[in-house]
Amino acid sequence: MSQRTVERVVGRLITDEEFRLEFTRLPERTLAALVGQGWELTAFEVDALVQTDTKLWSDGARRINPRLQRCSLKADGHTCP
């Protein structure tokens, strides 16, 4: 288990709109792509992230300062200013 990697994923889910939308639509595929890029995530961690209520990520994104957000202009209905 790599706590650092989990922290990076959680950080991206809260600050990166495009990543968050991709994860919300296809969580297993999104995390598998990260693992394929060399991110160290165990099956247990992947399952825990997938099982976490996805509202947490969008709620967290709304609560942090927008200057910390990475906005996606490709996404329909993007929420960044």
Protein backbone atom coordinates (compact mmCIF):
# COMPACT_ATOMS: atom_id res chain seq x y z
CA MET A 1 0.00 0.00 0.00
CA SER A 2 1.26 3.43 -0.89
CA GLN A 3 -0.39 6.15 1.17
CA ARG A 4 1.42 8.74 -0.93
CA THR A 5 -0.21 7.42 -4.11
CA VAL A 6 -3.66 7.39 -2.50
CA GLU A 7 -3.10 11.00 -1.43
CA ARG A 8 -2.14 11.94 -5.00
CA VAL A 9 -5.28 10.29 -6.40
CA VAL A 10 -7.51 11.99 -3.83
CA GLY A 11 -5.81 15.31 -4.58
CA ARG A 12 -6.44 14.91 -8.29
CA LEU A 13 -10.04 13.92 -7.70
CA ILE A 14 -10.61 17.15 -5.81
CA THR A 15 -8.52 19.54 -7.91
CA ASP A 16 -8.66 18.18 -11.48
CA GLU A 17 -12.12 18.51 -13.02
CA GLU A 18 -11.41 16.43 -16.12
CA PHE A 19 -9.92 13.59 -14.06
CA ARG A 20 -12.85 13.76 -11.62
CA LEU A 21 -15.41 13.51 -14.43
CA GLU A 22 -13.53 10.62 -16.03
CA PHE A 23 -13.36 8.83 -12.68
CA THR A 24 -17.05 9.41 -12.01
CA ARG A 25 -17.98 7.88 -15.37
CA LEU A 26 -15.51 4.97 -15.40
CA PRO A 27 -13.77 4.63 -12.03
CA GLU A 28 -12.13 1.23 -12.54
CA ARG A 29 -10.82 2.13 -15.99
CA THR A 30 -9.52 5.49 -14.76
CA LEU A 31 -7.60 3.90 -11.90
CA ALA A 32 -6.35 1.06 -14.12
CA ALA A 33 -4.90 3.70 -16.45
CA LEU A 34 -3.02 5.25 -13.52
CA VAL A 35 -1.67 1.84 -12.51
CA GLY A 36 -0.63 1.33 -16.13
CA GLN A 37 1.32 4.59 -15.90
CA GLY A 38 3.21 3.28 -12.89
CA TRP A 39 1.12 4.61 -10.03
CA GLU A 40 1.29 2.10 -7.17
CA LEU A 41 -2.24 1.22 -6.12
CA THR A 42 -3.24 -2.11 -4.64
CA ALA A 43 -6.51 -3.84 -5.52
CA PHE A 44 -7.68 -2.98 -1.98
CA GLU A 45 -6.99 0.74 -2.56
CA VAL A 46 -8.66 0.71 -5.97
CA ASP A 47 -11.73 -0.93 -4.47
CA ALA A 48 -11.83 1.56 -1.59
CA LEU A 49 -11.61 4.53 -3.96
CA VAL A 50 -14.30 3.08 -6.22
CA GLN A 51 -16.58 2.40 -3.25
CA THR A 52 -16.22 5.95 -1.88
CA ASP A 53 -19.31 8.08 -2.55
CA THR A 54 -18.44 10.10 -5.66
CA LYS A 55 -20.26 13.11 -4.21
CA LEU A 56 -17.29 13.53 -1.87
CA TRP A 57 -15.01 14.49 -4.78
CA SER A 58 -17.35 17.07 -6.33
CA ASP A 59 -18.26 18.46 -2.90
CA GLY A 60 -14.59 18.81 -2.01
CA ALA A 61 -13.92 20.54 -5.31
CA ARG A 62 -16.67 23.09 -4.64
CA ARG A 63 -15.30 23.81 -1.18
CA ILE A 64 -11.68 24.61 -2.04
CA ASN A 65 -10.49 27.88 -3.51
CA PRO A 66 -11.03 27.89 -7.30
CA ARG A 67 -7.40 28.94 -7.78
CA LEU A 68 -6.46 25.42 -6.68
CA GLN A 69 -8.65 23.86 -9.38
CA ARG A 70 -7.60 22.55 -12.73
CA CYS A 71 -10.59 23.29 -14.90
CA SER A 72 -11.59 21.30 -17.96
CA LEU A 73 -12.95 23.38 -20.78
CA LYS A 74 -13.72 20.16 -22.68
CA ALA A 75 -16.28 18.97 -20.16
CA ASP A 76 -19.94 19.85 -20.62
CA GLY A 77 -21.17 21.98 -17.76
CA HIS A 78 -17.70 22.52 -16.28
CA THR A 79 -17.85 24.07 -12.85
CA CYS A 80 -14.67 26.12 -12.76
CA PRO A 81 -14.83 29.91 -13.11
